[in-house]
Amino acid sequence: MRNPRKAWRTVPAVALMITIIGVAAPAQAAAPAYTALGDSYSSGTGTREYYSDGTNCQRSPHAYPVIDAGRLGATLTFAACSGAKVAGIISGQLGSMNATTNYVTVTAGGNDFGWSQVIIQCAKPWPYTCWGDIDRAETYIRSTLPGQLNQLYSAIKAKAPNARIVAVGYPRLFNGEECNAIARISPGEQARLNAAADLLATTTRDRAVANGLVFVDARTAFNGHAVCDDVEWINGTSWPVGESYHPNRGGHAGYAGIVETALRG
């Protein structure tokens, strides 16, 4: 028969072992995975400082995806690339995403109907005008872009089925003033360009919502920060020309605030 005193002497040791196991520090949770997709409005063109990554994508440390990844404590896959069109995003930017991706942002569509080229045409000196260019852009937004966005959003959802996916819109660019000596965009042309930006925003919103994505409308946040406003978040005509009519660092800080809110839900 066992000595009861010996048996009881083992109890403190067993209890101590259980206690140690019970209070062992849990394994550190992995950082959430965030993939930033899209064109120059996502990559950071306009901020004038870019990573030396061997590409022409103009990915900037001041771009809103970088800011928001830091705020969210997320690991960022920065796939966005200046000049990207919808087809290129689908074929070249989705590779890192999978069922463990937590966050996705995407800005897309502007390059597909040549938004930058339309504005450049509007900025040419008299007698050049851009009314026809704006008309063609609006026709494309109405007739072709919705199907392209449907395809893009469907592809993102298939690759990242558990992610919170945010479609980020473009802002209006102008306030009706002419303040840039090297670019003549009349108040009438500015109004038409802003109307086209509104059409692009509502088209993107409708396709995003129809596909179950969250939409971030940049127009309200950028009110009072257009080209020629006292505090510009959008570059006017600039050198290099590619910096023109893109968000500057203040603009990306503004984007970061509204996108972070959407990502956190």
Protein backbone atom coordinates (compact mmCIF):
# COMPACT_ATOMS: atom_id res chain seq x y z
CA MET A 1 0.00 0.00 0.00
CA ARG A 2 1.38 3.50 -0.96
CA ASN A 3 2.48 5.79 1.76
CA PRO A 4 -0.16 8.54 1.89
CA ARG A 5 2.45 11.06 2.95
CA LYS A 6 4.50 10.38 -0.22
CA ALA A 7 1.38 10.62 -2.36
CA TRP A 8 0.43 13.99 -0.89
CA ARG A 9 3.97 15.30 -1.36
CA THR A 10 3.47 14.96 -5.14
CA VAL A 11 0.40 17.20 -5.14
CA PRO A 12 2.23 20.58 -4.92
CA ALA A 13 4.52 19.58 -7.78
CA VAL A 14 1.60 18.56 -9.98
CA ALA A 15 -0.30 21.73 -9.08
CA LEU A 16 2.73 23.84 -9.87
CA MET A 17 3.08 22.16 -13.28
CA ILE A 18 -0.60 22.79 -14.09
CA THR A 19 -0.23 26.41 -13.02
CA ILE A 20 2.81 26.92 -15.25
CA ILE A 21 1.02 25.37 -18.23
CA GLY A 22 -2.08 27.44 -17.58
CA VAL A 23 -0.30 30.80 -17.55
CA ALA A 24 2.09 30.15 -20.44
CA ALA A 25 2.10 33.15 -22.82
CA PRO A 26 -0.05 32.55 -25.90
CA ALA A 27 1.57 32.53 -29.33
CA GLN A 28 1.67 36.00 -30.88
CA ALA A 29 -1.07 36.50 -33.47
CA ALA A 30 0.07 37.06 -37.02
CA ALA A 31 -0.33 40.55 -38.43
CA PRO A 32 -3.38 40.94 -40.70
CA ALA A 33 -2.64 40.73 -44.41
CA TYR A 34 -3.49 43.77 -46.55
CA THR A 35 -3.22 43.91 -50.35
CA ALA A 36 -3.41 47.29 -52.12
CA LEU A 37 -4.49 47.07 -55.76
CA GLY A 38 -5.09 49.63 -58.45
CA ASP A 39 -3.62 52.47 -60.46
CA SER A 40 -1.67 55.68 -59.80
CA TYR A 41 -4.24 56.94 -57.28
CA SER A 42 -3.38 53.92 -55.13
CA SER A 43 0.35 53.72 -55.86
CA GLY A 44 1.03 57.30 -54.80
CA THR A 45 1.85 59.11 -58.04
CA GLY A 46 1.86 62.81 -57.23
CA THR A 47 3.70 62.57 -53.91
CA ARG A 48 7.13 63.00 -55.58
CA GLU A 49 8.93 60.28 -53.63
CA TYR A 50 8.93 56.63 -54.70
CA TYR A 51 10.45 53.31 -53.75
CA SER A 52 13.37 52.09 -55.86
CA ASP A 53 11.78 48.74 -56.63
CA GLY A 54 12.93 48.32 -60.22
CA THR A 55 9.51 49.15 -61.69
CA ASN A 56 7.82 52.20 -63.17
CA CYS A 57 4.88 51.80 -60.81
CA GLN A 58 5.66 54.89 -58.71
CA ARG A 59 4.83 53.25 -55.41
CA SER A 60 5.28 55.84 -52.71
CA PRO A 61 5.98 55.62 -48.97
CA HIS A 62 3.43 58.47 -48.66
CA ALA A 63 0.59 56.59 -50.40
CA TYR A 64 -2.54 55.88 -48.38
CA PRO A 65 -2.06 52.06 -48.41
CA VAL A 66 1.30 52.48 -46.64
CA ILE A 67 -0.20 54.87 -44.09
CA ASP A 68 -3.16 52.61 -43.39
CA ALA A 69 -1.09 49.44 -43.17
CA GLY A 70 0.87 51.10 -40.39
CA ARG A 71 -2.28 52.20 -38.58
CA LEU A 72 -3.81 48.74 -38.84
CA GLY A 73 -0.62 46.90 -37.91
CA ALA A 74 -0.98 45.01 -41.18
CA THR A 75 1.52 43.39 -43.51
CA LEU A 76 1.16 45.22 -46.84
CA THR A 77 1.46 43.69 -50.29
CA PHE A 78 1.74 46.84 -52.40
CA ALA A 79 0.66 45.68 -55.85
CA ALA A 80 -0.84 48.94 -57.15
CA CYS A 81 0.94 50.38 -60.18
CA SER A 82 0.76 53.68 -61.99
CA GLY A 83 -0.88 53.31 -65.38
CA ALA A 84 -2.69 50.07 -64.53
CA LYS A 85 -5.94 49.29 -66.30
CA VAL A 86 -8.61 46.87 -65.11
CA ALA A 87 -7.33 43.98 -67.24
CA GLY A 88 -3.80 44.50 -65.96
CA ILE A 89 -4.95 44.52 -62.35
CA ILE A 90 -6.76 41.22 -62.88
CA SER A 91 -3.83 39.58 -64.66
CA GLY A 92 -0.94 41.05 -62.71
CA GLN A 93 -1.90 42.21 -59.21
CA LEU A 94 -4.04 39.50 -57.58
CA GLY A 95 -1.39 36.81 -57.12
CA SER A 96 -0.64 37.40 -53.44
CA MET A 97 -4.24 37.13 -52.26
CA ASN A 98 -5.85 34.06 -50.75
CA ALA A 99 -8.35 32.98 -48.09
CA THR A 100 -6.15 34.46 -45.33
CA THR A 101 -6.12 37.98 -46.80
CA ASN A 102 -7.85 40.34 -44.38
CA TYR A 103 -7.99 43.66 -46.23
CA VAL A 104 -8.06 44.71 -49.88
CA THR A 105 -8.29 48.19 -51.39
CA VAL A 106 -8.60 49.01 -55.08
CA THR A 107 -8.85 52.15 -57.19
CA ALA A 108 -9.47 51.40 -60.85
CA GLY A 109 -11.11 52.59 -64.04
CA GLY A 110 -9.54 55.98 -64.77
CA ASN A 111 -6.90 54.66 -67.14
CA ASP A 112 -9.37 52.56 -69.08
CA PHE A 113 -11.09 55.61 -70.55
CA GLY A 114 -7.95 57.79 -70.62
CA TRP A 115 -8.83 60.22 -67.83
CA SER A 116 -5.35 61.77 -67.75
CA GLN A 117 -5.35 62.29 -71.52
CA VAL A 118 -8.73 64.01 -71.33
CA ILE A 119 -7.41 66.48 -68.75
CA ILE A 120 -4.24 67.10 -70.76
CA GLN A 121 -6.37 67.93 -73.78
CA CYS A 122 -8.41 70.35 -71.66
CA ALA A 123 -5.20 72.02 -70.46
CA LYS A 124 -3.98 72.86 -73.96
CA PRO A 125 -4.01 76.56 -74.90
CA TRP A 126 -6.73 78.14 -76.99
CA PRO A 127 -8.11 77.20 -79.54
CA TYR A 128 -7.94 73.61 -78.31
CA THR A 129 -10.97 72.38 -76.37
CA CYS A 130 -11.87 69.06 -74.76
CA TRP A 131 -15.66 68.86 -75.04
CA GLY A 132 -15.53 65.89 -77.38
CA ASP A 133 -12.96 64.12 -75.18
CA ILE A 134 -15.22 64.49 -72.15
CA ASP A 135 -18.21 63.21 -74.13
CA ARG A 136 -16.28 60.10 -75.19
CA ALA A 137 -15.08 59.50 -71.62
CA GLU A 138 -18.62 59.70 -70.26
CA THR A 139 -19.88 57.32 -72.95
CA TYR A 140 -17.19 54.81 -71.94
CA ILE A 141 -18.06 55.17 -68.25
CA ARG A 142 -21.72 54.47 -68.96
CA SER A 143 -21.40 51.68 -71.51
CA THR A 144 -18.15 49.77 -70.95
CA LEU A 145 -16.72 50.46 -67.49
CA PRO A 146 -19.53 48.80 -65.47
CA GLY A 147 -18.83 45.40 -67.02
CA GLN A 148 -15.09 45.80 -66.45
CA LEU A 149 -15.60 46.68 -62.80
CA ASN A 150 -17.93 43.71 -62.34
CA GLN A 151 -15.21 41.44 -63.70
CA LEU A 152 -12.56 43.02 -61.47
CA TYR A 153 -14.58 42.91 -58.27
CA SER A 154 -15.66 39.33 -58.92
CA ALA A 155 -12.04 38.28 -59.45
CA ILE A 156 -10.93 39.96 -56.21
CA LYS A 157 -13.70 38.27 -54.22
CA ALA A 158 -12.78 34.88 -55.68
CA LYS A 159 -9.13 35.30 -54.67
CA ALA A 160 -9.78 36.81 -51.22
CA PRO A 161 -13.16 35.42 -50.11
CA ASN A 162 -12.73 36.36 -46.44
CA ALA A 163 -11.32 39.85 -46.90
CA ARG A 164 -12.93 43.21 -46.29
CA ILE A 165 -12.72 44.69 -49.79
CA VAL A 166 -12.92 48.44 -50.28
CA ALA A 167 -13.35 50.11 -53.67
CA VAL A 168 -11.89 53.60 -53.41
CA GLY A 169 -13.29 56.36 -55.62
CA TYR A 170 -11.71 59.34 -57.34
CA PRO A 171 -12.28 62.94 -56.20
CA ARG A 172 -13.44 65.98 -58.15
CA LEU A 173 -10.38 67.92 -59.28
CA PHE A 174 -11.47 71.51 -59.80
CA ASN A 175 -13.14 74.43 -58.03
CA GLY A 176 -13.89 76.60 -61.08
CA GLU A 177 -10.91 78.94 -60.72
CA GLU A 178 -8.06 79.41 -63.19
CA CYS A 179 -4.83 79.76 -61.23
CA ASN A 180 -2.26 77.87 -63.29
CA ALA A 181 -0.46 80.06 -65.80
CA ILE A 182 0.75 77.15 -67.92
CA ALA A 183 -2.60 75.36 -68.23
CA ARG A 184 -5.83 76.83 -69.55
CA ILE A 185 -8.81 74.85 -68.29
CA SER A 186 -11.83 77.11 -68.51
CA PRO A 187 -14.47 77.21 -65.77
CA GLY A 188 -16.89 75.54 -68.17
CA GLU A 189 -14.46 72.71 -68.88
CA GLN A 190 -13.78 72.34 -65.17
CA ALA A 191 -17.51 71.98 -64.51
CA ARG A 192 -17.80 69.30 -67.18
CA LEU A 193 -14.75 67.45 -65.84
CA ASN A 194 -16.24 67.50 -62.35
CA ALA A 195 -19.50 66.16 -63.76
CA ALA A 196 -17.56 63.32 -65.38
CA ALA A 197 -15.88 62.65 -62.03
CA ASP A 198 -19.33 62.45 -60.44
CA LEU A 199 -20.45 59.95 -63.09
CA LEU A 200 -17.31 57.88 -62.47
CA ALA A 201 -17.90 57.94 -58.70
CA THR A 202 -21.53 56.87 -58.90
CA THR A 203 -20.76 54.16 -61.46
CA THR A 204 -17.98 52.76 -59.27
CA ARG A 205 -20.21 52.93 -56.18
CA ASP A 206 -23.06 51.12 -57.90
CA ARG A 207 -20.83 48.30 -59.17
CA ALA A 208 -19.05 47.99 -55.82
CA VAL A 209 -22.29 47.74 -53.84
CA ALA A 210 -23.80 45.32 -56.36
CA ASN A 211 -20.78 43.05 -55.89
CA GLY A 212 -20.83 43.23 -52.08
CA LEU A 213 -17.87 45.58 -51.67
CA VAL A 214 -17.54 48.66 -49.49
CA PHE A 215 -17.27 51.93 -51.42
CA VAL A 216 -15.29 54.97 -50.26
CA ASP A 217 -16.44 58.21 -51.87
CA ALA A 218 -13.54 60.66 -51.95
CA ARG A 219 -15.52 63.65 -53.18
CA THR A 220 -16.70 64.96 -49.81
CA ALA A 221 -13.29 64.59 -48.16
CA PHE A 222 -11.62 66.52 -51.00
CA ASN A 223 -14.12 69.42 -50.94
CA GLY A 224 -12.12 72.58 -50.34
CA HIS A 225 -8.88 70.88 -51.43
CA ALA A 226 -9.19 70.94 -55.22
CA VAL A 227 -6.72 72.43 -57.68
CA CYS A 228 -6.50 76.21 -56.96
CA ASP A 229 -7.91 75.88 -53.42
CA ASP A 230 -5.86 77.42 -50.58
CA VAL A 231 -4.88 73.95 -49.34
CA GLU A 232 -4.55 71.77 -52.42
CA TRP A 233 -4.71 68.00 -52.08
CA ILE A 234 -4.46 67.65 -55.87
CA ASN A 235 -1.50 68.80 -57.96
CA GLY A 236 -2.24 71.17 -60.79
CA THR A 237 -0.23 71.06 -63.99
CA SER A 238 3.21 70.01 -62.78
CA TRP A 239 6.63 68.89 -63.88
CA PRO A 240 7.14 66.03 -64.49
CA VAL A 241 3.78 66.03 -66.26
CA GLY A 242 2.90 62.64 -64.77
CA GLU A 243 2.62 64.28 -61.33
CA SER A 244 -0.22 66.48 -62.60
CA TYR A 245 -3.80 66.04 -61.37
CA HIS A 246 -2.91 63.39 -58.82
CA PRO A 247 -3.19 63.57 -55.02
CA ASN A 248 -0.16 65.05 -53.29
CA ARG A 249 0.98 63.98 -49.83
CA GLY A 250 -1.83 65.92 -48.18
CA GLY A 251 -4.28 64.20 -50.49
CA HIS A 252 -3.02 60.76 -49.55
CA ALA A 253 -3.23 61.65 -45.87
CA GLY A 254 -6.85 62.63 -46.54
CA TYR A 255 -7.47 59.37 -48.37
CA ALA A 256 -5.87 57.42 -45.52
CA GLY A 257 -8.40 58.71 -43.02
CA ILE A 258 -11.51 57.73 -44.97
CA VAL A 259 -10.07 54.43 -46.16
CA GLU A 260 -8.99 53.43 -42.65
CA THR A 261 -12.54 54.01 -41.41
CA ALA A 262 -13.88 51.77 -44.17
CA LEU A 263 -11.34 49.02 -43.52
CA ARG A 264 -12.13 48.95 -39.83
CA GLY A 265 -15.83 48.70 -40.65
